[in-house]
């Protein structure tokens, strides 16, 4: 999705400007399927390279 693609770029820019970067993200519901979860996992992996702290909220727990 838009956030999955844009978040790492925004975080990278913020970090290069010296900002403390904290990302709060959610993972898809299990019923959204494996493909959706795989995209989210790849996005989280990329985002984690550009943030100081990563907080993951599982939609299943909401």
PDB file of N, CA and C in Angstrom:
ATOM      1  N   UNK A   1       0.812  -1.194   0.000  1.00  0.00           N
ATOM      2  CA  UNK A   1       0.000   0.000   0.000  1.00  0.00           C
ATOM      3  C   UNK A   1       0.852   1.253   0.000  1.00  0.00           C
ATOM      4  N   UNK A   2       0.204   2.360   0.053  1.00  0.00           N
ATOM      5  CA  UNK A   2       0.897   3.646   0.022  1.00  0.00           C
ATOM      6  C   UNK A   2       1.838   3.797   1.206  1.00  0.00           C
ATOM      7  N   UNK A   3       1.369   3.461   2.392  1.00  0.00           N
ATOM      8  CA  UNK A   3       2.215   3.571   3.578  1.00  0.00           C
ATOM      9  C   UNK A   3       3.408   2.646   3.526  1.00  0.00           C
ATOM     10  N   UNK A   4       3.199   1.441   3.029  1.00  0.00           N
ATOM     11  CA  UNK A   4       4.287   0.461   2.944  1.00  0.00           C
ATOM     12  C   UNK A   4       5.406   0.974   2.048  1.00  0.00           C
ATOM     13  N   UNK A   5       5.037   1.624   0.953  1.00  0.00           N
ATOM     14  CA  UNK A   5       6.043   2.139   0.031  1.00  0.00           C
ATOM     15  C   UNK A   5       6.644   3.461   0.455  1.00  0.00           C
ATOM     16  N   UNK A   6       5.821   4.339   1.010  1.00  0.00           N
ATOM     17  CA  UNK A   6       6.272   5.688   1.342  1.00  0.00           C
ATOM     18  C   UNK A   6       6.981   5.784   2.689  1.00  0.00           C
ATOM     19  N   UNK A   7       6.568   4.993   3.650  1.00  0.00           N
ATOM     20  CA  UNK A   7       7.105   5.119   5.012  1.00  0.00           C
ATOM     21  C   UNK A   7       8.630   5.006   5.082  1.00  0.00           C
ATOM     22  N   UNK A   8       9.249   4.031   4.408  1.00  0.00           N
ATOM     23  CA  UNK A   8      10.714   3.958   4.491  1.00  0.00           C
ATOM     24  C   UNK A   8      11.405   5.191   3.910  1.00  0.00           C
ATOM     25  N   UNK A   9      10.832   5.764   2.869  1.00  0.00           N
ATOM     26  CA  UNK A   9      11.422   6.950   2.239  1.00  0.00           C
ATOM     27  C   UNK A   9      11.311   8.148   3.172  1.00  0.00           C
ATOM     28  N   UNK A  10      10.127   8.341   3.739  1.00  0.00           N
ATOM     29  CA  UNK A  10       9.919   9.445   4.680  1.00  0.00           C
ATOM     30  C   UNK A  10      10.835   9.285   5.891  1.00  0.00           C
ATOM     31  N   UNK A  11      10.926   8.076   6.415  1.00  0.00           N
ATOM     32  CA  UNK A  11      11.780   7.822   7.577  1.00  0.00           C
ATOM     33  C   UNK A  11      13.248   8.079   7.257  1.00  0.00           C
ATOM     34  N   UNK A  12      13.673   7.677   6.086  1.00  0.00           N
ATOM     35  CA  UNK A  12      15.068   7.885   5.690  1.00  0.00           C
ATOM     36  C   UNK A  12      15.395   9.370   5.612  1.00  0.00           C
ATOM     37  N   UNK A  13      14.507  10.147   5.009  1.00  0.00           N
ATOM     38  CA  UNK A  13      14.715  11.595   4.908  1.00  0.00           C
ATOM     39  C   UNK A  13      14.763  12.218   6.298  1.00  0.00           C
ATOM     40  N   UNK A  14      13.814  11.840   7.153  1.00  0.00           N
ATOM     41  CA  UNK A  14      13.774  12.388   8.509  1.00  0.00           C
ATOM     42  C   UNK A  14      15.048  12.054   9.279  1.00  0.00           C
ATOM     43  N   UNK A  15      15.508  10.841   9.128  1.00  0.00           N
ATOM     44  CA  UNK A  15      16.708  10.411   9.859  1.00  0.00           C
ATOM     45  C   UNK A  15      17.949  11.161   9.365  1.00  0.00           C
ATOM     46  N   UNK A  16      18.043  11.383   8.054  1.00  0.00           N
ATOM     47  CA  UNK A  16      19.199  12.121   7.531  1.00  0.00           C
ATOM     48  C   UNK A  16      19.186  13.573   7.992  1.00  0.00           C
ATOM     49  N   UNK A  17      18.010  14.073   8.370  1.00  0.00           N
ATOM     50  CA  UNK A  17      17.894  15.436   8.898  1.00  0.00           C
ATOM     51  C   UNK A  17      18.159  15.478  10.401  1.00  0.00           C
ATOM     52  N   UNK A  18      18.453  14.328  10.993  1.00  0.00           N
ATOM     53  CA  UNK A  18      18.799  14.267  12.397  1.00  0.00           C
ATOM     54  C   UNK A  18      17.631  14.038  13.341  1.00  0.00           C
ATOM     55  N   UNK A  19      16.467  13.736  12.802  1.00  0.00           N
ATOM     56  CA  UNK A  19      15.288  13.516  13.641  1.00  0.00           C
ATOM     57  C   UNK A  19      15.313  12.123  14.267  1.00  0.00           C
ATOM     58  N   UNK A  20      14.742  12.029  15.455  1.00  0.00           N
ATOM     59  CA  UNK A  20      14.495  10.731  16.067  1.00  0.00           C
ATOM     60  C   UNK A  20      13.308  10.127  15.321  1.00  0.00           C
ATOM     61  N   UNK A  21      13.472   8.942  14.784  1.00  0.00           N
ATOM     62  CA  UNK A  21      12.411   8.341  13.972  1.00  0.00           C
ATOM     63  C   UNK A  21      11.785   7.158  14.693  1.00  0.00           C
ATOM     64  N   UNK A  22      10.483   7.248  14.877  1.00  0.00           N
ATOM     65  CA  UNK A  22       9.702   6.196  15.517  1.00  0.00           C
ATOM     66  C   UNK A  22       8.532   5.876  14.599  1.00  0.00           C
ATOM     67  N   UNK A  23       8.398   4.632  14.212  1.00  0.00           N
ATOM     68  CA  UNK A  23       7.295   4.208  13.342  1.00  0.00           C
ATOM     69  C   UNK A  23       6.330   3.345  14.142  1.00  0.00           C
ATOM     70  N   UNK A  24       5.056   3.675  14.051  1.00  0.00           N
ATOM     71  CA  UNK A  24       3.994   2.862  14.648  1.00  0.00           C
ATOM     72  C   UNK A  24       3.179   2.324  13.482  1.00  0.00           C
ATOM     73  N   UNK A  25       3.209   1.020  13.302  1.00  0.00           N
ATOM     74  CA  UNK A  25       2.580   0.399  12.133  1.00  0.00           C
ATOM     75  C   UNK A  25       1.670  -0.746  12.564  1.00  0.00           C
ATOM     76  N   UNK A  26       0.794  -1.135  11.675  1.00  0.00           N
ATOM     77  CA  UNK A  26      -0.073  -2.285  11.952  1.00  0.00           C
ATOM     78  C   UNK A  26       0.145  -3.349  10.888  1.00  0.00           C
ATOM     79  N   UNK A  27      -0.038  -4.600  11.301  1.00  0.00           N
ATOM     80  CA  UNK A  27       0.040  -5.722  10.366  1.00  0.00           C
ATOM     81  C   UNK A  27      -1.380  -6.132  10.001  1.00  0.00           C
ATOM     82  N   UNK A  28      -1.574  -6.651   8.806  1.00  0.00           N
ATOM     83  CA  UNK A  28      -2.925  -6.996   8.349  1.00  0.00           C
ATOM     84  C   UNK A  28      -3.561  -8.133   9.154  1.00  0.00           C
ATOM     85  N   UNK A  29      -4.888  -8.185   9.076  1.00  0.00           N
ATOM     86  CA  UNK A  29      -5.622  -9.306   9.656  1.00  0.00           C
ATOM     87  C   UNK A  29      -5.248 -10.580   8.904  1.00  0.00           C
ATOM     88  N   UNK A  30      -5.291 -11.716   9.564  1.00  0.00           N
ATOM     89  CA  UNK A  30      -4.941 -12.988   8.927  1.00  0.00           C
ATOM     90  C   UNK A  30      -5.866 -13.305   7.756  1.00  0.00           C
ATOM     91  N   UNK A  31      -7.129 -12.889   7.846  1.00  0.00           N
ATOM     92  CA  UNK A  31      -8.066 -13.192   6.758  1.00  0.00           C
ATOM     93  C   UNK A  31      -7.771 -12.401   5.485  1.00  0.00           C
ATOM     94  N   UNK A  32      -6.860 -11.421   5.564  1.00  0.00           N
ATOM     95  CA  UNK A  32      -6.493 -10.659   4.369  1.00  0.00           C
ATOM     96  C   UNK A  32      -5.566 -11.453   3.454  1.00  0.00           C
ATOM     97  N   UNK A  33      -5.053 -12.565   3.943  1.00  0.00           N
ATOM     98  CA  UNK A  33      -4.302 -13.482   3.096  1.00  0.00           C
ATOM     99  C   UNK A  33      -2.797 -13.400   3.227  1.00  0.00           C
ATOM    100  N   UNK A  34      -2.157 -14.451   2.727  1.00  0.00           N
ATOM    101  CA  UNK A  34      -0.701 -14.577   2.796  1.00  0.00           C
ATOM    102  C   UNK A  34       0.002 -13.508   1.972  1.00  0.00           C
ATOM    103  N   UNK A  35      -0.518 -13.204   0.800  1.00  0.00           N
ATOM    104  CA  UNK A  35       0.129 -12.204  -0.055  1.00  0.00           C
ATOM    105  C   UNK A  35       0.181 -10.849   0.648  1.00  0.00           C
ATOM    106  N   UNK A  36      -0.924 -10.470   1.251  1.00  0.00           N
ATOM    107  CA  UNK A  36      -0.991  -9.201   1.975  1.00  0.00           C
ATOM    108  C   UNK A  36       0.002  -9.194   3.141  1.00  0.00           C
ATOM    109  N   UNK A  37       0.079 -10.294   3.863  1.00  0.00           N
ATOM    110  CA  UNK A  37       1.010 -10.398   4.988  1.00  0.00           C
ATOM    111  C   UNK A  37       2.454 -10.369   4.505  1.00  0.00           C
ATOM    112  N   UNK A  38       2.738 -11.032   3.386  1.00  0.00           N
ATOM    113  CA  UNK A  38       4.092 -11.030   2.835  1.00  0.00           C
ATOM    114  C   UNK A  38       4.530  -9.621   2.448  1.00  0.00           C
ATOM    115  N   UNK A  39       3.619  -8.853   1.839  1.00  0.00           N
ATOM    116  CA  UNK A  39       3.917  -7.463   1.468  1.00  0.00           C
ATOM    117  C   UNK A  39       4.202  -6.646   2.727  1.00  0.00           C
ATOM    118  N   UNK A  40       3.378  -6.842   3.750  1.00  0.00           N
ATOM    119  CA  UNK A  40       3.569  -6.119   5.008  1.00  0.00           C
ATOM    120  C   UNK A  40       4.907  -6.476   5.648  1.00  0.00           C
ATOM    121  N   UNK A  41       5.252  -7.749   5.667  1.00  0.00           N
ATOM    122  CA  UNK A  41       6.520  -8.194   6.259  1.00  0.00           C
ATOM    123  C   UNK A  41       7.710  -7.578   5.526  1.00  0.00           C
ATOM    124  N   UNK A  42       7.649  -7.564   4.195  1.00  0.00           N
ATOM    125  CA  UNK A  42       8.732  -6.966   3.411  1.00  0.00           C
ATOM    126  C   UNK A  42       8.832  -5.470   3.701  1.00  0.00           C
ATOM    127  N   UNK A  43       7.684  -4.819   3.819  1.00  0.00           N
ATOM    128  CA  UNK A  43       7.667  -3.395   4.136  1.00  0.00           C
ATOM    129  C   UNK A  43       8.248  -3.107   5.512  1.00  0.00           C
ATOM    130  N   UNK A  44       7.925  -3.949   6.479  1.00  0.00           N
ATOM    131  CA  UNK A  44       8.469  -3.777   7.828  1.00  0.00           C
ATOM    132  C   UNK A  44       9.982  -3.963   7.844  1.00  0.00           C
ATOM    133  N   UNK A  45      10.448  -4.922   7.086  1.00  0.00           N
ATOM    134  CA  UNK A  45      11.891  -5.162   7.014  1.00  0.00           C
ATOM    135  C   UNK A  45      12.611  -3.941   6.447  1.00  0.00           C
ATOM    136  N   UNK A  46      12.056  -3.374   5.384  1.00  0.00           N
ATOM    137  CA  UNK A  46      12.661  -2.186   4.769  1.00  0.00           C
ATOM    138  C   UNK A  46      12.570  -0.986   5.712  1.00  0.00           C
ATOM    139  N   UNK A  47      11.412  -0.791   6.322  1.00  0.00           N
ATOM    140  CA  UNK A  47      11.221   0.336   7.234  1.00  0.00           C
ATOM    141  C   UNK A  47      12.174   0.253   8.416  1.00  0.00           C
ATOM    142  N   UNK A  48      12.391  -0.940   8.931  1.00  0.00           N
ATOM    143  CA  UNK A  48      13.247  -1.106  10.112  1.00  0.00           C
ATOM    144  C   UNK A  48      14.678  -0.631   9.868  1.00  0.00           C
ATOM    145  N   UNK A  49      15.102  -0.577   8.618  1.00  0.00           N
ATOM    146  CA  UNK A  49      16.447  -0.103   8.279  1.00  0.00           C
ATOM    147  C   UNK A  49      16.584   1.406   8.454  1.00  0.00           C
ATOM    148  N   UNK A  50      15.452   2.118   8.538  1.00  0.00           N
ATOM    149  CA  UNK A  50      15.479   3.579   8.501  1.00  0.00           C
ATOM    150  C   UNK A  50      14.883   4.252   9.730  1.00  0.00           C
ATOM    151  N   UNK A  51      14.544   3.486  10.759  1.00  0.00           N
ATOM    152  CA  UNK A  51      13.951   4.087  11.959  1.00  0.00           C
ATOM    153  C   UNK A  51      14.758   3.727  13.202  1.00  0.00           C
ATOM    154  N   UNK A  52      14.636   4.571  14.211  1.00  0.00           N
ATOM    155  CA  UNK A  52      15.287   4.295  15.487  1.00  0.00           C
ATOM    156  C   UNK A  52      14.479   3.303  16.311  1.00  0.00           C
ATOM    157  N   UNK A  53      13.165   3.366  16.172  1.00  0.00           N
ATOM    158  CA  UNK A  53      12.285   2.479  16.928  1.00  0.00           C
ATOM    159  C   UNK A  53      11.089   2.103  16.063  1.00  0.00           C
ATOM    160  N   UNK A  54      10.702   0.837  16.134  1.00  0.00           N
ATOM    161  CA  UNK A  54       9.583   0.333  15.336  1.00  0.00           C
ATOM    162  C   UNK A  54       8.591  -0.358  16.265  1.00  0.00           C
ATOM    163  N   UNK A  55       7.368   0.151  16.283  1.00  0.00           N
ATOM    164  CA  UNK A  55       6.301  -0.415  17.112  1.00  0.00           C
ATOM    165  C   UNK A  55       5.288  -1.058  16.179  1.00  0.00           C
ATOM    166  N   UNK A  56       5.065  -2.354  16.345  1.00  0.00           N
ATOM    167  CA  UNK A  56       4.160  -3.098  15.467  1.00  0.00           C
ATOM    168  C   UNK A  56       2.914  -3.490  16.247  1.00  0.00           C
ATOM    169  N   UNK A  57       1.767  -3.118  15.707  1.00  0.00           N
ATOM    170  CA  UNK A  57       0.481  -3.468  16.310  1.00  0.00           C
ATOM    171  C   UNK A  57      -0.181  -4.514  15.420  1.00  0.00           C
ATOM    172  N   UNK A  58      -0.552  -5.626  16.009  1.00  0.00           N
ATOM    173  CA  UNK A  58      -1.237  -6.671  15.256  1.00  0.00           C
ATOM    174  C   UNK A  58      -2.726  -6.353  15.203  1.00  0.00           C
ATOM    175  N   UNK A  59      -3.282  -6.259  14.013  1.00  0.00           N
ATOM    176  CA  UNK A  59      -4.713  -5.987  13.878  1.00  0.00           C
ATOM    177  C   UNK A  59      -5.542  -7.032  14.617  1.00  0.00           C
ATOM    178  N   UNK A  60      -5.050  -8.260  14.681  1.00  0.00           N
ATOM    179  CA  UNK A  60      -5.767  -9.336  15.368  1.00  0.00           C
ATOM    180  C   UNK A  60      -5.968  -9.025  16.854  1.00  0.00           C
ATOM    181  N   UNK A  61      -5.114  -8.189  17.413  1.00  0.00           N
ATOM    182  CA  UNK A  61      -5.175  -7.875  18.843  1.00  0.00           C
ATOM    183  C   UNK A  61      -6.008  -6.633  19.148  1.00  0.00           C
ATOM    184  N   UNK A  62      -6.483  -5.941  18.110  1.00  0.00           N
ATOM    185  CA  UNK A  62      -7.280  -4.726  18.337  1.00  0.00           C
ATOM    186  C   UNK A  62      -8.673  -5.060  18.782  1.00  0.00           C
TER     187      UNK A  62
END
